[in-house]
Protein backbone atom coordinates (compact mmCIF):
# COMPACT_ATOMS: atom_id res chain seq x y z
CA MET A 1 -0.01 0.03 0.00
CA GLU A 2 1.52 3.28 -1.04
CA ARG A 3 2.05 5.81 1.61
CA TYR A 4 1.56 9.57 1.14
CA HIS A 5 3.61 12.20 3.38
CA PRO A 6 1.34 14.39 5.45
CA SER A 7 1.86 17.64 3.47
CA GLU A 8 0.46 15.64 0.56
CA VAL A 9 -2.48 14.20 2.75
CA TYR A 10 -3.19 17.62 4.14
CA GLU A 11 -3.28 18.72 0.43
CA LEU A 12 -5.69 16.08 -0.77
CA PHE A 13 -8.03 17.67 2.41
CA VAL A 14 -7.68 21.48 0.58
CA ARG A 15 -8.09 20.07 -2.71
CA HIS A 16 -11.77 17.94 -1.36
CA MET A 17 -12.58 21.23 0.38
CA ASN A 18 -12.17 23.53 -2.66
CA THR A 19 -13.35 20.75 -5.01
CA PRO A 20 -15.01 22.93 -8.44
CA ARG A 21 -19.04 23.16 -8.38
CA VAL A 22 -20.15 22.94 -11.67
CA VAL A 23 -23.90 23.93 -12.99
CA VAL A 24 -25.20 22.96 -16.52
CA ASP A 25 -28.16 24.43 -17.49
CA ASN A 26 -30.51 24.42 -20.53
CA GLY A 27 -33.44 26.30 -19.10
CA VAL A 28 -31.37 30.11 -18.76
CA CYS A 29 -30.79 30.70 -22.55
CA ALA A 30 -32.92 30.14 -25.16
CA THR A 31 -30.16 29.58 -27.75
CA ALA A 32 -27.24 27.83 -25.66
CA THR A 33 -26.60 25.52 -22.62
CA LEU A 34 -25.22 27.40 -19.86
CA VAL A 35 -22.28 25.90 -17.82
CA GLN A 36 -20.51 27.48 -15.02
CA VAL A 37 -17.80 26.52 -13.07
CA HIS A 38 -17.30 27.82 -9.39
CA SER A 39 -13.64 26.99 -8.08
CA ALA A 40 -10.88 27.87 -5.83
CA ARG A 41 -7.98 29.16 -7.99
CA LYS A 42 -5.16 26.86 -9.08
CA HIS A 43 -3.17 27.06 -12.24
CA GLY A 44 -4.54 25.04 -14.98
CA VAL A 45 -7.92 24.65 -13.39
CA LEU A 46 -9.41 27.20 -16.38
CA LEU A 47 -7.69 24.77 -19.10
CA GLU A 48 -9.20 21.73 -17.51
CA ALA A 49 -12.69 22.91 -18.12
CA VAL A 50 -12.05 24.06 -21.38
CA ALA A 51 -10.19 20.94 -22.23
CA ALA A 52 -13.60 19.05 -21.01
CA LEU A 53 -16.10 21.34 -22.95
CA SER A 54 -13.65 20.29 -26.18
CA ASP A 55 -13.23 16.94 -25.37
CA HIS A 56 -16.84 16.47 -25.52
CA GLY A 57 -17.35 18.05 -28.49
CA VAL A 58 -19.54 21.42 -27.76
CA CYS A 59 -18.80 24.61 -29.38
CA VAL A 60 -18.32 27.62 -26.84
CA ARG A 61 -20.30 30.79 -28.48
CA LYS A 62 -19.60 33.03 -25.51
CA GLY A 63 -18.83 33.44 -21.93
CA TYR A 64 -16.56 35.37 -19.42
CA ILE A 65 -14.00 34.19 -16.38
CA SER A 66 -14.32 36.66 -13.35
CA SER A 67 -11.86 36.29 -10.46
CA ASP A 68 -11.98 38.18 -6.84
CA ASP A 69 -7.88 38.34 -7.57
CA GLY A 70 -7.69 36.11 -4.72
CA ARG A 71 -8.80 32.49 -4.26
CA TRP A 72 -11.62 31.94 -6.12
CA PHE A 73 -12.84 32.19 -9.32
CA MET A 74 -16.00 31.79 -11.42
CA ASP A 75 -16.19 30.90 -15.39
CA VAL A 76 -19.29 31.05 -17.20
CA PHE A 77 -19.64 29.53 -20.83
CA HIS A 78 -22.71 29.62 -23.47
CA VAL A 79 -22.23 26.32 -25.32
CA THR A 80 -23.92 24.48 -28.38
CA ASP A 81 -23.32 21.07 -30.26
CA ALA A 82 -21.84 21.34 -33.52
CA ALA A 83 -25.02 22.29 -35.45
CA GLY A 84 -25.66 25.45 -33.29
CA ARG A 85 -28.43 23.59 -30.71
CA LYS A 86 -28.61 23.12 -27.13
CA VAL A 87 -26.84 20.42 -25.86
CA ALA A 88 -29.15 17.24 -25.98
CA ASP A 89 -26.94 15.12 -23.24
CA ALA A 90 -26.37 17.88 -20.33
CA ASP A 91 -26.01 15.22 -17.92
CA ALA A 92 -23.18 13.64 -19.88
CA LEU A 93 -21.51 17.03 -19.83
CA LEU A 94 -21.93 17.64 -16.32
CA ALA A 95 -20.14 14.25 -15.43
CA ARG A 96 -17.08 14.68 -18.00
CA LEU A 97 -16.76 18.21 -16.33
CA GLU A 98 -17.21 17.03 -12.91
CA SER A 99 -14.32 14.18 -13.49
CA SER A 100 -11.94 16.73 -15.10
CA LEU A 101 -12.29 18.94 -12.05
CA SER A 102 -12.40 15.91 -9.51
CA ALA A 103 -9.91 16.35 -6.75
CA ASP A 104 -10.62 12.67 -5.46
CA ALA A 105 -7.06 11.32 -6.02
CA LEU A 106 -3.81 12.73 -5.49
CA PRO A 107 -1.58 12.72 -8.31
CA PRO A 108 0.40 9.75 -9.28
CA ARG A 109 3.91 9.96 -7.35
CA THR A 110 5.78 8.42 -10.14
CA PRO A 111 5.91 10.19 -13.62
CA PRO A 112 3.16 8.98 -16.12
CA SER A 113 6.43 7.80 -18.16
CA ALA A 114 6.98 4.91 -15.42
CA ALA A 115 3.50 4.45 -13.98
CA VAL A 116 1.53 2.52 -17.08
CA GLY A 117 0.66 -0.94 -17.05
CA ALA A 118 0.94 -4.04 -18.65
CA GLY A 119 -0.16 -3.74 -22.35
CA MET A 120 -0.28 0.41 -22.79
CA PRO A 121 0.73 1.64 -25.82
CA THR A 122 4.41 3.13 -26.16
CA LEU A 123 4.17 6.85 -27.03
CA LEU A 124 6.20 8.45 -29.91
CA GLU A 125 6.84 12.24 -29.84
CA LEU A 126 8.39 13.15 -33.48
CA VAL A 127 9.31 16.72 -34.59
CA GLY A 128 10.95 17.81 -37.43
CA ALA A 129 10.92 20.08 -41.22
CA ASP A 130 8.03 18.75 -42.78
CA ARG A 131 7.98 17.76 -46.81
CA PRO A 132 5.84 16.01 -49.14
CA GLY A 133 5.45 12.14 -48.30
CA LEU A 134 7.06 12.39 -44.90
CA LEU A 135 4.09 10.92 -43.16
CA SER A 136 4.05 7.88 -45.43
CA GLU A 137 7.54 7.49 -44.75
CA VAL A 138 7.12 7.33 -41.03
CA PHE A 139 4.21 4.74 -41.04
CA ALA A 140 6.42 2.60 -43.51
CA VAL A 141 9.63 2.71 -41.06
CA LEU A 142 7.26 1.87 -38.24
CA HIS A 143 5.54 -0.93 -40.24
CA ASP A 144 9.06 -2.22 -41.35
CA LEU A 145 10.12 -2.53 -37.61
CA ARG A 146 6.98 -4.26 -36.69
CA CYS A 147 5.15 -1.32 -34.92
CA ASP A 148 1.50 -1.38 -34.69
CA ILE A 149 -0.26 1.92 -34.71
CA ALA A 150 -2.86 2.21 -32.06
CA ASP A 151 -3.45 6.29 -32.07
CA ALA A 152 -1.85 8.86 -33.60
CA ARG A 153 -2.01 12.94 -34.15
CA THR A 154 -0.57 14.78 -36.82
CA TRP A 155 -0.22 18.77 -37.61
CA THR A 156 1.77 20.73 -39.94
CA HIS A 157 2.62 24.49 -39.34
CA GLY A 158 5.12 26.88 -40.56
CA GLY A 159 7.15 24.20 -42.59
CA ARG A 160 7.58 21.98 -39.18
CA VAL A 161 5.63 18.92 -38.24
CA ALA A 162 4.78 17.29 -35.09
CA ALA A 163 3.34 14.10 -34.21
CA LEU A 164 2.34 11.82 -31.60
CA VAL A 165 1.98 7.95 -32.36
CA PHE A 166 0.86 5.43 -30.15
CA VAL A 167 2.42 2.05 -30.69
CA ARG A 168 2.70 -1.29 -29.39
CA ASP A 169 4.30 -4.65 -30.90
CA GLU A 170 2.94 -5.90 -33.55
CA GLU A 171 2.64 -9.80 -33.12
CA THR A 172 1.97 -9.60 -28.84
CA GLY A 173 0.11 -6.19 -28.39
CA ALA A 174 2.82 -5.39 -25.42
CA PRO A 175 4.60 -1.78 -25.35
CA ILE A 176 7.79 -1.61 -26.99
CA ASP A 177 10.13 -1.13 -24.20
CA ASP A 178 13.16 -3.24 -25.26
CA ALA A 179 16.13 -0.52 -24.85
CA ALA A 180 17.54 -1.87 -28.04
CA ARG A 181 14.56 -1.66 -29.90
CA VAL A 182 13.57 1.41 -28.91
CA ARG A 183 16.89 3.16 -29.80
CA ARG A 184 16.40 1.34 -33.30
CA VAL A 185 13.29 2.91 -34.08
CA GLU A 186 14.54 6.47 -32.68
CA SER A 187 17.42 6.05 -35.19
CA ARG A 188 15.46 5.28 -38.03
CA LEU A 189 12.97 7.77 -37.55
CA ARG A 190 15.37 10.71 -36.80
CA HIS A 191 16.87 9.58 -40.31
CA VAL A 192 13.70 9.91 -41.85
CA LEU A 193 13.11 13.22 -39.84
CA ARG A 194 16.73 14.56 -40.84
CA GLY A 195 17.48 16.40 -37.83
CA GLY A 196 15.48 19.27 -36.19
CA ALA A 197 15.73 20.36 -32.44
CA LEU A 198 13.70 17.36 -30.91
CA GLY A 199 13.84 14.57 -33.70
CA ALA A 200 11.82 11.31 -32.57
CA ARG A 201 11.85 9.99 -29.18
CA MET A 202 9.77 7.08 -26.90
CA VAL A 203 8.23 7.51 -23.98
CA ARG A 204 5.91 5.42 -21.89
CA ALA A 205 2.78 7.33 -21.11
CA ASP A 206 -0.88 6.61 -20.43
CA ALA A 207 -3.07 7.22 -23.60
CA ALA A 208 -6.03 8.08 -21.33
CA ALA A 209 -3.53 10.76 -19.37
CA VAL A 210 -2.00 12.53 -22.81
CA ASN A 211 -4.18 15.64 -23.73
CA MET A 212 -2.72 15.16 -27.39
CA ASP A 213 -3.73 18.77 -28.67
CA ARG A 214 -1.63 20.34 -25.80
CA ARG A 215 1.04 18.15 -26.64
CA LEU A 216 1.18 18.92 -30.23
CA HIS A 217 0.94 22.70 -29.12
CA GLN A 218 3.85 22.11 -26.28
CA LEU A 219 6.37 20.15 -29.08
CA LEU A 220 5.79 22.85 -32.09
CA ASN A 221 6.65 26.08 -29.28
CA GLU A 222 9.33 23.89 -27.88
CA ASP A 223 10.65 23.56 -31.31
CA GLY A 224 10.74 27.58 -31.97
CA GLU A 225 8.08 27.14 -34.81
CA ALA A 226 6.22 30.28 -33.62
CA GLU A 227 9.27 32.04 -33.84
CA SER A 228 10.01 31.40 -37.20
CA ARG A 229 6.84 32.72 -38.48
CA ALA A 230 7.13 36.05 -37.44
CA ASP A 231 7.69 37.80 -40.63
CA GLN A 232 4.93 36.45 -42.38
CA ALA A 233 1.92 37.82 -42.79
CA GLU A 234 -0.88 36.92 -40.08
CA ALA A 235 -4.41 36.43 -40.51
CA THR A 236 -5.06 36.21 -36.71
CA ALA A 237 -4.77 39.71 -35.18
CA VAL A 238 -3.43 39.38 -31.67
CA ALA A 239 -2.61 42.54 -29.24
CA VAL A 240 -1.14 42.57 -25.49
CA GLN A 241 -1.49 45.94 -24.30
CA ASP A 242 -0.63 46.97 -20.83
CA TRP A 243 -3.19 47.99 -17.95
CA GLY A 244 -1.06 49.28 -15.33
CA GLU A 245 -3.04 50.58 -12.78
CA ARG A 246 -4.46 47.50 -12.10
CA GLY A 247 -1.28 45.41 -12.79
CA TYR A 248 -2.64 43.29 -16.00
CA SER A 249 -1.57 42.88 -19.25
CA VAL A 250 -4.48 42.59 -21.63
CA VAL A 251 -4.35 40.18 -24.75
CA THR A 252 -7.17 40.75 -27.16
CA VAL A 253 -7.71 37.90 -29.94
CA SER A 254 -9.77 38.72 -33.12
CA CYS A 255 -10.31 35.59 -35.59
CA ARG A 256 -12.30 33.50 -37.90
CA ASP A 257 -14.23 31.46 -35.35
CA ARG A 258 -13.52 27.56 -35.52
CA PRO A 259 -13.67 24.57 -33.09
CA LYS A 260 -11.33 24.59 -30.15
CA LEU A 261 -10.42 28.21 -30.78
CA LEU A 262 -10.86 29.29 -26.82
CA PHE A 263 -8.66 25.85 -26.10
CA ASP A 264 -6.23 26.55 -28.17
CA VAL A 265 -5.62 29.68 -26.47
CA VAL A 266 -6.26 29.12 -22.99
CA CYS A 267 -3.72 25.79 -23.07
CA THR A 268 -0.95 28.64 -24.88
CA LEU A 269 -1.25 31.27 -22.07
CA THR A 270 -1.16 28.23 -18.99
CA ASP A 271 1.96 26.66 -20.94
CA LEU A 272 3.50 30.27 -21.07
CA ASP A 273 2.74 30.17 -17.26
CA TYR A 274 0.35 33.21 -17.46
CA VAL A 275 -2.78 33.27 -14.89
CA VAL A 276 -5.97 34.73 -16.42
CA TYR A 277 -7.97 36.55 -13.85
CA HIS A 278 -10.67 37.83 -15.80
CA GLY A 279 -11.56 37.59 -19.85
CA THR A 280 -14.66 37.62 -21.99
CA PHE A 281 -15.01 35.58 -25.66
CA ASP A 282 -17.75 36.03 -28.02
CA THR A 283 -18.95 35.11 -31.68
CA ASP A 284 -20.30 36.61 -34.28
CA GLY A 285 -21.13 34.23 -37.11
CA ASP A 286 -17.89 33.01 -38.21
CA HIS A 287 -15.96 35.56 -36.03
CA ALA A 288 -14.65 35.77 -32.86
CA GLN A 289 -13.20 37.88 -30.26
CA GLN A 290 -11.62 37.09 -27.14
CA GLU A 291 -10.20 39.32 -24.31
CA PHE A 292 -8.15 38.11 -21.13
CA TYR A 293 -6.65 39.84 -18.28
CA ILE A 294 -3.51 37.95 -17.52
CA ARG A 295 -0.69 37.98 -15.09
CA ARG A 296 2.78 35.95 -14.87
CA LEU A 297 2.44 33.20 -11.91
CA ASP A 298 4.62 35.69 -9.82
CA GLY A 299 1.65 38.45 -10.25
CA ARG A 300 3.27 40.49 -12.50
CA PRO A 301 2.44 41.48 -15.80
CA ILE A 302 4.30 41.36 -18.87
CA SER A 303 7.12 43.35 -18.60
CA SER A 304 9.47 43.57 -21.86
CA ALA A 305 8.76 44.04 -25.21
CA ALA A 306 10.20 40.62 -26.13
CA GLU A 307 8.36 38.57 -23.87
CA ARG A 308 5.14 40.49 -25.34
CA ARG A 309 6.48 39.50 -28.96
CA ARG A 310 6.51 36.22 -27.67
CA VAL A 311 3.31 35.82 -26.47
CA ILE A 312 1.85 37.20 -29.75
CA GLN A 313 3.69 35.22 -31.84
CA CYS A 314 3.10 32.09 -29.63
CA LEU A 315 -0.71 32.49 -29.56
CA GLN A 316 -0.70 33.28 -33.61
CA ALA A 317 0.73 30.05 -34.31
CA ALA A 318 -1.69 28.20 -31.81
CA ILE A 319 -4.46 29.45 -33.44
CA GLU A 320 -3.38 29.29 -37.04
CA ARG A 321 -2.02 25.48 -37.07
CA ARG A 322 -5.16 23.77 -35.99
CA ALA A 323 -6.67 25.68 -39.17
CA SER A 324 -6.80 22.32 -41.27
CA GLU A 325 -6.13 23.03 -44.72
CA GLY A 326 -7.21 21.12 -47.68
CA VAL A 327 -9.77 18.06 -48.66
CA ARG A 328 -11.17 16.25 -45.21
CA LEU A 329 -10.89 12.57 -46.21
CA GLU A 330 -12.08 10.15 -43.54
CA LEU A 331 -11.23 6.34 -43.43
CA ARG A 332 -13.25 3.96 -41.71
CA ILE A 333 -12.41 0.13 -42.42
CA THR A 334 -11.18 -2.96 -40.34
CA ASP A 335 -7.61 -2.45 -39.15
CA ARG A 336 -4.65 -4.90 -40.75
CA ARG A 337 -1.16 -4.61 -40.49
CA GLY A 338 0.48 -1.94 -42.71
CA LEU A 339 -2.75 -0.03 -43.43
CA LEU A 340 -1.63 3.38 -42.78
CA ALA A 341 1.51 2.69 -44.71
CA TYR A 342 -0.67 1.55 -47.61
CA VAL A 343 -3.30 4.63 -47.38
CA THR A 344 -0.69 7.39 -47.04
CA ARG A 345 1.87 5.81 -49.78
CA VAL A 346 -1.27 5.96 -52.16
CA PHE A 347 -1.67 9.76 -50.99
CA ARG A 348 2.08 10.26 -51.91
CA GLU A 349 2.22 8.35 -55.20
CA ASN A 350 -0.74 10.72 -56.43
CA SER A 351 0.93 13.48 -55.12
CA LEU A 352 -1.25 14.16 -52.18
CA SER A 353 0.37 15.96 -48.79
CA VAL A 354 -1.22 15.34 -45.38
CA THR A 355 -1.62 18.51 -43.49
CA HIS A 356 -3.31 17.10 -40.54
CA ALA A 357 -3.93 13.56 -39.48
CA GLU A 358 -5.91 11.59 -36.51
CA ILE A 359 -5.37 8.23 -36.18
CA THR A 360 -7.88 6.33 -34.31
CA THR A 361 -8.16 2.26 -33.33
CA ARG A 362 -11.56 0.98 -31.62
CA GLY A 363 -11.42 -2.76 -31.63
CA ASP A 364 -10.88 -4.21 -34.96
CA MET A 365 -11.95 -1.05 -36.71
CA ALA A 366 -9.80 1.81 -37.82
CA MET A 367 -11.42 5.17 -37.84
CA ASN A 368 -8.82 7.79 -39.48
CA VAL A 369 -9.30 11.53 -40.97
CA PHE A 370 -6.72 12.83 -43.23
CA HIS A 371 -6.73 16.68 -44.40
CA VAL A 372 -4.93 16.57 -47.51
CA THR A 373 -3.61 19.47 -50.66
CA ASP A 374 -1.44 18.88 -53.43
CA VAL A 375 2.53 18.95 -52.54
CA ALA A 376 2.61 22.67 -53.25
CA GLY A 377 0.01 23.31 -50.68
CA ARG A 378 -2.72 24.07 -53.15
CA PRO A 379 -6.51 22.58 -53.13
CA ALA A 380 -5.86 19.19 -54.13
CA ASP A 381 -7.51 18.21 -57.72
CA PRO A 382 -11.04 16.69 -57.54
CA LYS A 383 -10.37 14.10 -60.30
CA THR A 384 -7.16 13.13 -57.83
CA ILE A 385 -9.26 12.70 -54.78
CA ASP A 386 -11.68 10.52 -57.07
CA ASP A 387 -8.89 8.26 -58.19
CA VAL A 388 -7.48 7.68 -54.24
CA ILE A 389 -11.21 7.14 -53.13
CA GLN A 390 -11.34 4.29 -56.03
CA ARG A 391 -8.03 2.94 -55.36
CA ILE A 392 -8.32 2.51 -51.37
CA GLY A 393 -12.22 2.00 -51.74
CA THR A 394 -15.57 3.69 -52.26
CA GLU A 395 -16.80 2.30 -49.17
CA SER A 396 -13.93 2.78 -46.65
CA LEU A 397 -12.64 6.23 -47.68
CA ARG A 398 -15.02 9.79 -48.24
CA VAL A 399 -15.04 13.07 -48.22
CA ASP A 400 -16.49 14.89 -45.07
CA GLU A 401 -18.34 17.77 -47.42
CA GLU A 402 -20.58 18.51 -44.56
CA ARG A 403 -19.39 18.42 -40.85
CA TRP A 404 -16.07 20.50 -41.06
CA PRO A 405 -17.56 23.34 -43.32
CA ARG A 406 -20.07 23.42 -41.05
CA LEU A 407 -17.71 23.60 -37.68
CA CYS A 408 -15.65 26.16 -39.48
CA SER A 409 -17.16 27.85 -42.27
CA THR A 410 -14.57 29.27 -44.61
CA GLU A 411 -17.22 31.75 -46.31
CA GLY A 412 -18.00 35.15 -45.55
CA ASP A 413 -15.37 38.46 -45.25
CA ALA A 414 -12.06 37.43 -45.76
CA GLY A 415 -11.01 40.39 -44.31
CA ARG A 416 -12.87 39.93 -41.02
CA GLY A 417 -9.67 37.69 -39.43
CA GLY A 418 -7.47 40.55 -39.87
CA GLY A 419 -5.69 43.48 -38.04
CA ALA A 420 -9.32 45.21 -38.19
CA GLY A 421 -10.74 43.06 -35.69
CA ILE A 422 -8.76 44.18 -32.95
CA PHE A 423 -10.62 45.86 -30.20
CA SER A 424 -9.40 48.74 -27.59
CA LEU A 425 -8.07 47.72 -24.24
CA GLY A 426 -10.81 46.51 -21.85
CA SER A 427 -13.46 46.76 -24.48
CA LEU A 428 -15.10 43.21 -23.63
CA VAL A 429 -14.63 43.12 -19.83
CA LYS A 430 -15.32 46.43 -19.01
CA LYS A 431 -18.22 46.09 -20.60
CA ASN A 432 -19.45 42.71 -19.52
CA LEU A 433 -17.99 42.35 -16.30
CA ALA A 434 -18.63 45.67 -15.07
CA SER A 435 -22.53 45.35 -15.90
CA LEU A 436 -22.66 42.24 -14.38
CA GLY A 437 -21.62 43.32 -11.06
CA LEU A 438 -18.95 41.32 -10.78
CA ILE A 439 -16.17 44.16 -10.69
CA ARG A 440 -16.83 47.33 -9.65
CA SER A 441 -15.30 49.25 -12.46
CA CYS A 442 -12.04 49.40 -14.87
CA SER A 443 -12.01 52.56 -15.28
């Protein structure tokens, strides 16, 4: 039986006393489900709540964050399903939020890499320079080394690629933990990636405990991808201003709305070690506006031009790298050895480049999503897409022409995501929080 130090027992007691209170109400608003989270202040709690909403597949239409600048804060979210309706399974959403924010147990005393059980896939982290056909080469190497792929996610942005791949032994389904085999896999993949700040590394990790989206953001930030985009024109307007009299830095974001936008912004601020004290977020059609009052973990605002520039660059990159480019292809087929190596080879042979990929295996079924362009990053030729579908199988591979366009519309005023959308310091918080009586005044 594992024993805890008295200080850890006390921490558990305090967490129980400060367990977040969650309310999910379908009766308050005519057009959306209202979600309220009341909690003691703890770094990362806001991200946990936003991540739970994202994982449940709901869209955050508007909301606010309010704090007494002390120990307590309240989050309010107006959410809908993907079709813009109220959330039908409100009880399930409540259960997910309560589970995500639960203080029922202390964190594991051992790091995740050492705490996984038998049969748990091994996590492979990849970062490097992107090029056409790279994903096909990666999957071919893993197939050659008899590594079965259980789940994977890949993002490309700014000429860089990051991937998380959960692998296991192809014959036994056991984790790959033999040191010599691990070195062999890493060496082969580093050669494929042709260097890079991080390259390839294998770690033991619990798939259920890894937020794959957050880890991909972290990998690309560690790789310096955000800074490499600094000299390019951006469609995402981000500004950081000072509110000296209250000791805040105010971050404003104006861009096209899309799924998980709030998660990407809050995740980036959290991983840069900033605390959100107040904030509002709103959507108008396909346009989103967000404003956050932040301080560093040490309680101080942003203090230099270099720090301000890094925050802006990281937020712009985080928002843009999720914007999936290209045709969305959905593959649903009985899983088999070498499936991903075959499918991505067909893409490569037809001069298609994968910009994003989500690989999921459930039982004996593979349920995969690929976003593809031509090798120059332009929209793929419809005839090429049709040829690929015919080759892989019309009953297994299809173009998703409905779900993604509805979730992330590309129509409308192309200029709305640009710099003209930036709003003045405190415009949202002053108007919304003060009118709700949550702060006295921002003037």
